[in-house]
Amino acid sequence: MKTKLIVIALCSILFACKKKDTTPQKDNFSFSAFGQSDTGKINLTGEAYFDKTNKKLILNDAVPTPEHSYHTGTGHAYYNRLVDVADGFETSFNFTISDLGGIPDVDGNVGGDGLAFAIFNSDTTKIKDNTWYIGMENSIAIEFDTYNNGDDGGGVANHDDPNGNHIAMYYCTASTSNVSTRMAINASVADFSSAGTHTVKITYQDKKMKVYLDGSLSLDTNIDLSSVLTLNSGKAYIDLIGYSGASGETHKINNWSFKSY
């Protein structure tokens, strides 16, 4: 009898150990560098490509290389599946901007338009080679702008740029295609197009988006992602975008991480 009880107890323990964990799994990834194994996890469009020699993600390249010839436009690098954003998240990436050239802006400075982090929930096939974050349906973008377009008169992007070095947040709903409206801006930030690397951390928690540049809080905005965007059960795509327009500028991503709360 004792033996039978012991066997039953052991079976119960084994069953409990094998019981499936139903706790929802949070989305997370961390690319400390970009090599061959990462090519299937990040979808690239436009000018974006992996520099496999140096293990970097290049959004735009202003300098001809054996892998990539010089041209201008847009590069997208979006994670290959939807991730949880509604309940909060944190993402970080380290970038370098270099090789500025081309047509001067209204201040007389040359270079491209900078880069952006975007959250979007729309048809990925609509991402065109020449699409910046402007007009991306059902999206929110945080831009790191390096080109002063001046006041565009309330045009497609509602730019009204104060200078060629600012951080701003824009949104474009599913019903306002091709029009991105600015929600917040900080025009007094450190020069992030200067030589060297810069680190960005973006957090979303308790309906508040915070952007840190090199450890300094640079944008702090109230926003409810679930209200502004149409999400897929709280999920959306996340995207890194570089844009050089008719000018030249190299946008290099050295690492990228993301985790849902």
C-alpha atoms as a PDB file:
ATOM      1  CA  MET A   1       0.000   0.000   0.000  1.00  0.00           C
ATOM      2  CA  LYS A   2       2.800   2.365   0.885  1.00  0.00           C
ATOM      3  CA  THR A   3       4.505   1.624  -2.427  1.00  0.00           C
ATOM      4  CA  LYS A   4       1.303   2.442  -4.324  1.00  0.00           C
ATOM      5  CA  LEU A   5       0.937   5.760  -2.495  1.00  0.00           C
ATOM      6  CA  ILE A   6       4.549   6.680  -3.238  1.00  0.00           C
ATOM      7  CA  VAL A   7       4.049   5.939  -6.949  1.00  0.00           C
ATOM      8  CA  ILE A   8       0.896   8.084  -7.041  1.00  0.00           C
ATOM      9  CA  ALA A   9       2.707  10.921  -5.275  1.00  0.00           C
ATOM     10  CA  LEU A  10       5.606  10.756  -7.729  1.00  0.00           C
ATOM     11  CA  CYS A  11       3.241  10.785 -10.688  1.00  0.00           C
ATOM     12  CA  SER A  12       1.488  13.836  -9.254  1.00  0.00           C
ATOM     13  CA  ILE A  13       4.822  15.643  -8.873  1.00  0.00           C
ATOM     14  CA  LEU A  14       5.872  14.797 -12.430  1.00  0.00           C
ATOM     15  CA  PHE A  15       2.512  15.949 -13.806  1.00  0.00           C
ATOM     16  CA  ALA A  16       2.810  19.235 -11.938  1.00  0.00           C
ATOM     17  CA  CYS A  17       6.322  19.755 -13.304  1.00  0.00           C
ATOM     18  CA  LYS A  18       5.160  19.109 -16.862  1.00  0.00           C
ATOM     19  CA  LYS A  19       2.058  21.283 -16.569  1.00  0.00           C
ATOM     20  CA  LYS A  20       2.087  23.901 -19.280  1.00  0.00           C
ATOM     21  CA  ASP A  21       2.931  27.452 -18.208  1.00  0.00           C
ATOM     22  CA  THR A  22      -0.016  29.609 -19.298  1.00  0.00           C
ATOM     23  CA  THR A  23       1.593  32.874 -18.214  1.00  0.00           C
ATOM     24  CA  PRO A  24       1.555  35.288 -21.198  1.00  0.00           C
ATOM     25  CA  GLN A  25       5.024  35.610 -22.673  1.00  0.00           C
ATOM     26  CA  LYS A  26       6.291  39.147 -23.129  1.00  0.00           C
ATOM     27  CA  ASP A  27       7.994  40.191 -26.353  1.00  0.00           C
ATOM     28  CA  ASN A  28      11.688  40.949 -26.169  1.00  0.00           C
ATOM     29  CA  PHE A  29      14.827  40.874 -28.281  1.00  0.00           C
ATOM     30  CA  SER A  30      18.371  42.174 -28.055  1.00  0.00           C
ATOM     31  CA  PHE A  31      20.771  42.622 -30.958  1.00  0.00           C
ATOM     32  CA  SER A  32      24.181  43.583 -29.574  1.00  0.00           C
ATOM     33  CA  ALA A  33      25.428  43.535 -33.174  1.00  0.00           C
ATOM     34  CA  PHE A  34      24.024  42.570 -36.560  1.00  0.00           C
ATOM     35  CA  GLY A  35      25.343  39.451 -38.271  1.00  0.00           C
ATOM     36  CA  GLN A  36      24.158  36.706 -40.546  1.00  0.00           C
ATOM     37  CA  SER A  37      21.803  35.192 -37.967  1.00  0.00           C
ATOM     38  CA  ASP A  38      19.837  38.443 -37.648  1.00  0.00           C
ATOM     39  CA  THR A  39      18.817  38.731 -41.286  1.00  0.00           C
ATOM     40  CA  GLY A  40      15.666  36.660 -40.787  1.00  0.00           C
ATOM     41  CA  LYS A  41      14.472  38.581 -37.749  1.00  0.00           C
ATOM     42  CA  ILE A  42      14.474  42.080 -39.223  1.00  0.00           C
ATOM     43  CA  ASN A  43      12.815  42.954 -42.527  1.00  0.00           C
ATOM     44  CA  LEU A  44      14.667  45.510 -44.643  1.00  0.00           C
ATOM     45  CA  THR A  45      13.250  47.733 -47.371  1.00  0.00           C
ATOM     46  CA  GLY A  46      14.608  50.573 -49.468  1.00  0.00           C
ATOM     47  CA  GLU A  47      18.245  51.395 -48.804  1.00  0.00           C
ATOM     48  CA  ALA A  48      18.617  49.477 -45.543  1.00  0.00           C
ATOM     49  CA  TYR A  49      21.114  46.603 -45.452  1.00  0.00           C
ATOM     50  CA  PHE A  50      23.306  44.653 -43.050  1.00  0.00           C
ATOM     51  CA  ASP A  51      27.009  45.483 -43.058  1.00  0.00           C
ATOM     52  CA  LYS A  52      28.034  41.914 -42.342  1.00  0.00           C
ATOM     53  CA  THR A  53      31.728  42.747 -42.123  1.00  0.00           C
ATOM     54  CA  ASN A  54      31.306  45.233 -39.281  1.00  0.00           C
ATOM     55  CA  LYS A  55      28.029  43.717 -38.027  1.00  0.00           C
ATOM     56  CA  LYS A  56      26.069  46.969 -38.291  1.00  0.00           C
ATOM     57  CA  LEU A  57      22.625  47.824 -39.585  1.00  0.00           C
ATOM     58  CA  ILE A  58      22.844  50.578 -42.218  1.00  0.00           C
ATOM     59  CA  LEU A  59      19.631  52.515 -42.856  1.00  0.00           C
ATOM     60  CA  ASN A  60      21.204  54.875 -45.405  1.00  0.00           C
ATOM     61  CA  ASP A  61      24.708  54.871 -46.853  1.00  0.00           C
ATOM     62  CA  ALA A  62      26.181  58.058 -48.294  1.00  0.00           C
ATOM     63  CA  VAL A  63      29.500  56.424 -49.182  1.00  0.00           C
ATOM     64  CA  PRO A  64      29.866  53.791 -51.930  1.00  0.00           C
ATOM     65  CA  THR A  65      30.945  50.357 -50.654  1.00  0.00           C
ATOM     66  CA  PRO A  66      31.524  46.993 -52.376  1.00  0.00           C
ATOM     67  CA  GLU A  67      28.102  45.921 -51.031  1.00  0.00           C
ATOM     68  CA  HIS A  68      26.206  49.117 -51.605  1.00  0.00           C
ATOM     69  CA  SER A  69      26.451  51.994 -54.099  1.00  0.00           C
ATOM     70  CA  TYR A  70      25.702  55.589 -53.172  1.00  0.00           C
ATOM     71  CA  HIS A  71      22.101  56.715 -53.513  1.00  0.00           C
ATOM     72  CA  THR A  72      19.565  58.701 -51.548  1.00  0.00           C
ATOM     73  CA  GLY A  73      16.137  57.928 -50.146  1.00  0.00           C
ATOM     74  CA  THR A  74      14.687  55.851 -47.320  1.00  0.00           C
ATOM     75  CA  GLY A  75      15.704  52.719 -45.461  1.00  0.00           C
ATOM     76  CA  HIS A  76      13.366  50.742 -43.184  1.00  0.00           C
ATOM     77  CA  ALA A  77      14.286  47.990 -40.704  1.00  0.00           C
ATOM     78  CA  TYR A  78      11.227  46.603 -38.951  1.00  0.00           C
ATOM     79  CA  TYR A  79      11.000  43.598 -36.634  1.00  0.00           C
ATOM     80  CA  ASN A  80       9.443  40.680 -38.465  1.00  0.00           C
ATOM     81  CA  ARG A  81       6.436  40.195 -36.197  1.00  0.00           C
ATOM     82  CA  LEU A  82       3.975  42.173 -34.127  1.00  0.00           C
ATOM     83  CA  VAL A  83       5.037  42.976 -30.562  1.00  0.00           C
ATOM     84  CA  ASP A  84       3.118  44.064 -27.461  1.00  0.00           C
ATOM     85  CA  VAL A  85       3.088  47.841 -27.059  1.00  0.00           C
ATOM     86  CA  ALA A  86      -0.238  48.749 -25.424  1.00  0.00           C
ATOM     87  CA  ASP A  87       0.720  47.748 -21.873  1.00  0.00           C
ATOM     88  CA  GLY A  88       4.117  49.401 -22.008  1.00  0.00           C
ATOM     89  CA  PHE A  89       7.563  48.779 -23.428  1.00  0.00           C
ATOM     90  CA  GLU A  90      11.188  49.886 -23.476  1.00  0.00           C
ATOM     91  CA  THR A  91      13.432  50.037 -26.515  1.00  0.00           C
ATOM     92  CA  SER A  92      17.035  51.198 -26.896  1.00  0.00           C
ATOM     93  CA  PHE A  93      19.400  51.613 -29.800  1.00  0.00           C
ATOM     94  CA  ASN A  94      22.816  53.106 -30.430  1.00  0.00           C
ATOM     95  CA  PHE A  95      23.397  55.062 -33.640  1.00  0.00           C
ATOM     96  CA  THR A  96      26.041  56.974 -35.571  1.00  0.00           C
ATOM     97  CA  ILE A  97      25.381  59.655 -38.203  1.00  0.00           C
ATOM     98  CA  SER A  98      28.203  60.552 -40.591  1.00  0.00           C
ATOM     99  CA  ASP A  99      29.164  61.537 -44.158  1.00  0.00           C
ATOM    100  CA  LEU A 100      26.936  64.608 -44.315  1.00  0.00           C
ATOM    101  CA  GLY A 101      26.666  66.206 -47.745  1.00  0.00           C
ATOM    102  CA  GLY A 102      24.326  67.342 -50.497  1.00  0.00           C
ATOM    103  CA  ILE A 103      21.832  70.174 -50.646  1.00  0.00           C
ATOM    104  CA  PRO A 104      22.033  72.753 -47.787  1.00  0.00           C
ATOM    105  CA  ASP A 105      18.998  73.311 -45.559  1.00  0.00           C
ATOM    106  CA  VAL A 106      17.568  76.755 -44.750  1.00  0.00           C
ATOM    107  CA  ASP A 107      20.427  77.312 -42.287  1.00  0.00           C
ATOM    108  CA  GLY A 108      23.039  76.455 -44.908  1.00  0.00           C
ATOM    109  CA  ASN A 109      23.951  73.096 -43.341  1.00  0.00           C
ATOM    110  CA  VAL A 110      24.288  69.983 -45.498  1.00  0.00           C
ATOM    111  CA  GLY A 111      23.147  66.468 -44.698  1.00  0.00           C
ATOM    112  CA  GLY A 112      20.159  64.163 -44.771  1.00  0.00           C
ATOM    113  CA  ASP A 113      16.964  64.206 -42.722  1.00  0.00           C
ATOM    114  CA  GLY A 114      17.949  61.924 -39.869  1.00  0.00           C
ATOM    115  CA  LEU A 115      16.290  58.821 -38.487  1.00  0.00           C
ATOM    116  CA  ALA A 116      13.186  57.738 -36.601  1.00  0.00           C
ATOM    117  CA  PHE A 117      11.676  55.008 -34.454  1.00  0.00           C
ATOM    118  CA  ALA A 118       8.135  54.152 -35.500  1.00  0.00           C
ATOM    119  CA  ILE A 119       5.248  52.066 -34.172  1.00  0.00           C
ATOM    120  CA  PHE A 120       2.766  51.098 -36.853  1.00  0.00           C
ATOM    121  CA  ASN A 121      -0.051  48.657 -37.485  1.00  0.00           C
ATOM    122  CA  SER A 122      -0.765  48.708 -41.198  1.00  0.00           C
ATOM    123  CA  ASP A 123      -0.043  46.747 -44.342  1.00  0.00           C
ATOM    124  CA  THR A 124       3.740  46.289 -44.507  1.00  0.00           C
ATOM    125  CA  THR A 125       3.573  46.088 -48.294  1.00  0.00           C
ATOM    126  CA  LYS A 126       2.659  49.779 -48.301  1.00  0.00           C
ATOM    127  CA  ILE A 127       6.113  50.706 -47.025  1.00  0.00           C
ATOM    128  CA  LYS A 128       7.718  52.156 -50.119  1.00  0.00           C
ATOM    129  CA  ASP A 129      11.362  52.854 -50.777  1.00  0.00           C
ATOM    130  CA  ASN A 130      10.765  56.607 -50.637  1.00  0.00           C
ATOM    131  CA  THR A 131       8.449  56.613 -47.585  1.00  0.00           C
ATOM    132  CA  TRP A 132       9.809  58.369 -44.507  1.00  0.00           C
ATOM    133  CA  TYR A 133       7.549  58.080 -41.460  1.00  0.00           C
ATOM    134  CA  ILE A 134       5.402  60.727 -43.150  1.00  0.00           C
ATOM    135  CA  GLY A 135       2.099  59.300 -44.227  1.00  0.00           C
ATOM    136  CA  MET A 136       2.608  55.841 -42.725  1.00  0.00           C
ATOM    137  CA  GLU A 137      -0.963  54.881 -41.938  1.00  0.00           C
ATOM    138  CA  ASN A 138      -1.847  54.114 -38.333  1.00  0.00           C
ATOM    139  CA  SER A 139       1.569  55.041 -36.949  1.00  0.00           C
ATOM    140  CA  ILE A 140       3.449  57.029 -34.363  1.00  0.00           C
ATOM    141  CA  ALA A 141       7.027  58.115 -35.039  1.00  0.00           C
ATOM    142  CA  ILE A 142       9.739  59.694 -32.932  1.00  0.00           C
ATOM    143  CA  GLU A 143      12.116  61.507 -35.251  1.00  0.00           C
ATOM    144  CA  PHE A 144      15.714  62.594 -34.727  1.00  0.00           C
ATOM    145  CA  ASP A 145      15.735  65.341 -37.330  1.00  0.00           C
ATOM    146  CA  THR A 146      19.031  66.605 -38.764  1.00  0.00           C
ATOM    147  CA  TYR A 147      17.698  68.857 -41.551  1.00  0.00           C
ATOM    148  CA  ASN A 148      15.923  72.191 -41.204  1.00  0.00           C
ATOM    149  CA  ASN A 149      13.108  72.247 -43.753  1.00  0.00           C
ATOM    150  CA  GLY A 150      11.811  75.523 -42.365  1.00  0.00           C
ATOM    151  CA  ASP A 151       8.061  76.142 -42.469  1.00  0.00           C
ATOM    152  CA  ASP A 152       6.404  73.999 -45.138  1.00  0.00           C
ATOM    153  CA  GLY A 153       3.170  75.941 -44.809  1.00  0.00           C
ATOM    154  CA  GLY A 154       1.250  73.111 -43.186  1.00  0.00           C
ATOM    155  CA  GLY A 155       2.060  70.672 -45.976  1.00  0.00           C
ATOM    156  CA  VAL A 156       2.294  66.905 -45.973  1.00  0.00           C
ATOM    157  CA  ALA A 157       4.398  66.674 -42.829  1.00  0.00           C
ATOM    158  CA  ASN A 158       3.355  69.890 -41.062  1.00  0.00           C
ATOM    159  CA  HIS A 159       7.076  70.368 -40.470  1.00  0.00           C
ATOM    160  CA  ASP A 160       7.644  73.946 -39.329  1.00  0.00           C
ATOM    161  CA  ASP A 161      11.148  72.886 -38.310  1.00  0.00           C
ATOM    162  CA  PRO A 162      12.758  75.167 -35.699  1.00  0.00           C
ATOM    163  CA  ASN A 163      16.278  73.968 -36.579  1.00  0.00           C
ATOM    164  CA  GLY A 164      18.258  71.059 -37.997  1.00  0.00           C
ATOM    165  CA  ASN A 165      18.762  69.227 -34.703  1.00  0.00           C
ATOM    166  CA  HIS A 166      15.595  68.327 -32.825  1.00  0.00           C
ATOM    167  CA  ILE A 167      13.525  65.411 -31.524  1.00  0.00           C
ATOM    168  CA  ALA A 168       9.800  65.309 -32.252  1.00  0.00           C
ATOM    169  CA  MET A 169       6.844  62.926 -32.121  1.00  0.00           C
ATOM    170  CA  TYR A 170       4.285  62.592 -34.912  1.00  0.00           C
ATOM    171  CA  TYR A 171       1.210  60.472 -35.474  1.00  0.00           C
ATOM    172  CA  CYS A 172      -0.770  59.465 -38.539  1.00  0.00           C
ATOM    173  CA  THR A 173      -4.096  57.698 -38.075  1.00  0.00           C
ATOM    174  CA  ALA A 174      -5.650  55.255 -40.516  1.00  0.00           C
ATOM    175  CA  SER A 175      -8.031  58.004 -41.653  1.00  0.00           C
ATOM    176  CA  THR A 176      -5.406  60.739 -42.144  1.00  0.00           C
ATOM    177  CA  SER A 177      -3.187  59.022 -44.704  1.00  0.00           C
ATOM    178  CA  ASN A 178      -0.245  61.103 -45.955  1.00  0.00           C
ATOM    179  CA  VAL A 179      -0.600  63.612 -43.121  1.00  0.00           C
ATOM    180  CA  SER A 180       1.588  63.262 -40.023  1.00  0.00           C
ATOM    181  CA  THR A 181       0.677  65.596 -37.164  1.00  0.00           C
ATOM    182  CA  ARG A 182       3.224  66.703 -34.592  1.00  0.00           C
ATOM    183  CA  MET A 183       2.447  65.973 -30.950  1.00  0.00           C
ATOM    184  CA  ALA A 184       5.633  67.141 -29.212  1.00  0.00           C
ATOM    185  CA  ILE A 185       9.057  68.608 -29.970  1.00  0.00           C
ATOM    186  CA  ASN A 186      12.327  69.465 -28.245  1.00  0.00           C
ATOM    187  CA  ALA A 187      14.572  71.772 -30.245  1.00  0.00           C
ATOM    188  CA  SER A 188      17.197  72.202 -27.512  1.00  0.00           C
ATOM    189  CA  VAL A 189      19.012  68.886 -27.493  1.00  0.00           C
ATOM    190  CA  ALA A 190      22.669  67.953 -27.878  1.00  0.00           C
ATOM    191  CA  ASP A 191      24.005  67.748 -31.436  1.00  0.00           C
ATOM    192  CA  PHE A 192      23.360  64.123 -32.389  1.00  0.00           C
ATOM    193  CA  SER A 193      24.649  64.430 -35.956  1.00  0.00           C
ATOM    194  CA  SER A 194      28.123  65.232 -34.646  1.00  0.00           C
ATOM    195  CA  ALA A 195      30.941  62.709 -34.641  1.00  0.00           C
ATOM    196  CA  GLY A 196      30.597  59.791 -32.284  1.00  0.00           C
ATOM    197  CA  THR A 197      27.808  57.458 -31.258  1.00  0.00           C
ATOM    198  CA  HIS A 198      24.598  58.328 -29.458  1.00  0.00           C
ATOM    199  CA  THR A 199      22.248  56.206 -27.382  1.00  0.00           C
ATOM    200  CA  VAL A 200      18.468  56.426 -27.421  1.00  0.00           C
ATOM    201  CA  LYS A 201      16.102  54.899 -24.875  1.00  0.00           C
ATOM    202  CA  ILE A 202      12.348  55.138 -25.348  1.00  0.00           C
ATOM    203  CA  THR A 203       9.892  54.032 -22.667  1.00  0.00           C
ATOM    204  CA  TYR A 204       6.121  53.837 -22.701  1.00  0.00           C
ATOM    205  CA  GLN A 205       4.371  53.287 -19.389  1.00  0.00           C
ATOM    206  CA  ASP A 206       1.177  54.572 -17.763  1.00  0.00           C
ATOM    207  CA  LYS A 207       0.193  56.304 -21.022  1.00  0.00           C
ATOM    208  CA  LYS A 208       3.375  58.358 -21.072  1.00  0.00           C
ATOM    209  CA  MET A 209       6.121  58.240 -23.708  1.00  0.00           C
ATOM    210  CA  LYS A 210       9.614  59.265 -22.641  1.00  0.00           C
ATOM    211  CA  VAL A 211      12.635  59.674 -24.897  1.00  0.00           C
ATOM    212  CA  TYR A 212      16.169  59.764 -23.534  1.00  0.00           C
ATOM    213  CA  LEU A 213      19.143  60.878 -25.629  1.00  0.00           C
ATOM    214  CA  ASP A 214      22.535  59.940 -24.191  1.00  0.00           C
ATOM    215  CA  GLY A 215      20.925  59.524 -20.778  1.00  0.00           C
ATOM    216  CA  SER A 216      19.090  62.870 -20.739  1.00  0.00           C
ATOM    217  CA  LEU A 217      15.296  63.025 -20.776  1.00  0.00           C
ATOM    218  CA  SER A 218      14.556  64.820 -24.049  1.00  0.00           C
ATOM    219  CA  LEU A 219      10.835  64.238 -24.627  1.00  0.00           C
ATOM    220  CA  ASP A 220       8.045  63.482 -22.155  1.00  0.00           C
ATOM    221  CA  THR A 221       4.581  63.190 -23.684  1.00  0.00           C
ATOM    222  CA  ASN A 222       1.195  61.922 -22.551  1.00  0.00           C
ATOM    223  CA  ILE A 223      -0.253  59.497 -25.090  1.00  0.00           C
ATOM    224  CA  ASP A 224      -2.584  56.509 -25.079  1.00  0.00           C
ATOM    225  CA  LEU A 225      -1.384  54.230 -27.856  1.00  0.00           C
ATOM    226  CA  SER A 226      -4.597  52.214 -27.766  1.00  0.00           C
ATOM    227  CA  SER A 227      -6.621  55.371 -28.444  1.00  0.00           C
ATOM    228  CA  VAL A 228      -4.393  56.974 -31.077  1.00  0.00           C
ATOM    229  CA  LEU A 229      -3.647  53.769 -32.990  1.00  0.00           C
ATOM    230  CA  THR A 230      -5.736  50.803 -34.057  1.00  0.00           C
ATOM    231  CA  LEU A 231      -3.728  47.932 -32.586  1.00  0.00           C
ATOM    232  CA  ASN A 232      -3.895  44.185 -33.135  1.00  0.00           C
ATOM    233  CA  SER A 233      -4.784  42.863 -29.654  1.00  0.00           C
ATOM    234  CA  GLY A 234      -2.398  45.452 -28.224  1.00  0.00           C
ATOM    235  CA  LYS A 235       0.327  44.656 -30.752  1.00  0.00           C
ATOM    236  CA  ALA A 236       2.022  46.558 -33.579  1.00  0.00           C
ATOM    237  CA  TYR A 237       5.167  46.540 -35.689  1.00  0.00           C
ATOM    238  CA  ILE A 238       8.245  48.525 -34.633  1.00  0.00           C
ATOM    239  CA  ASP A 239      10.499  50.117 -37.208  1.00  0.00           C
ATOM    240  CA  LEU A 240      13.797  51.996 -37.477  1.00  0.00           C
ATOM    241  CA  ILE A 241      13.821  54.396 -40.428  1.00  0.00           C
ATOM    242  CA  GLY A 242      16.540  56.504 -42.036  1.00  0.00           C
ATOM    243  CA  TYR A 243      15.963  59.211 -44.628  1.00  0.00           C
ATOM    244  CA  SER A 244      18.416  61.243 -46.661  1.00  0.00           C
ATOM    245  CA  GLY A 245      16.096  62.821 -49.215  1.00  0.00           C
ATOM    246  CA  ALA A 246      18.012  64.476 -52.030  1.00  0.00           C
ATOM    247  CA  SER A 247      21.081  64.872 -49.826  1.00  0.00           C
ATOM    248  CA  GLY A 248      23.556  62.417 -48.338  1.00  0.00           C
ATOM    249  CA  GLU A 249      23.955  61.050 -44.838  1.00  0.00           C
ATOM    250  CA  THR A 250      24.949  57.660 -43.423  1.00  0.00           C
ATOM    251  CA  HIS A 251      22.715  56.300 -40.642  1.00  0.00           C
ATOM    252  CA  LYS A 252      24.311  53.399 -38.816  1.00  0.00           C
ATOM    253  CA  ILE A 253      22.590  51.355 -36.075  1.00  0.00           C
ATOM    254  CA  ASN A 254      25.081  49.610 -33.805  1.00  0.00           C
ATOM    255  CA  ASN A 255      22.632  47.713 -31.564  1.00  0.00           C
ATOM    256  CA  TRP A 256      18.915  47.482 -30.822  1.00  0.00           C
ATOM    257  CA  SER A 257      16.841  46.000 -27.998  1.00  0.00           C
ATOM    258  CA  PHE A 258      13.168  45.844 -27.078  1.00  0.00           C
ATOM    259  CA  LYS A 259      11.081  44.451 -24.238  1.00  0.00           C
ATOM    260  CA  SER A 260       7.385  44.609 -23.385  1.00  0.00           C
ATOM    261  CA  TYR A 261       6.286  45.358 -19.837  1.00  0.00           C
END
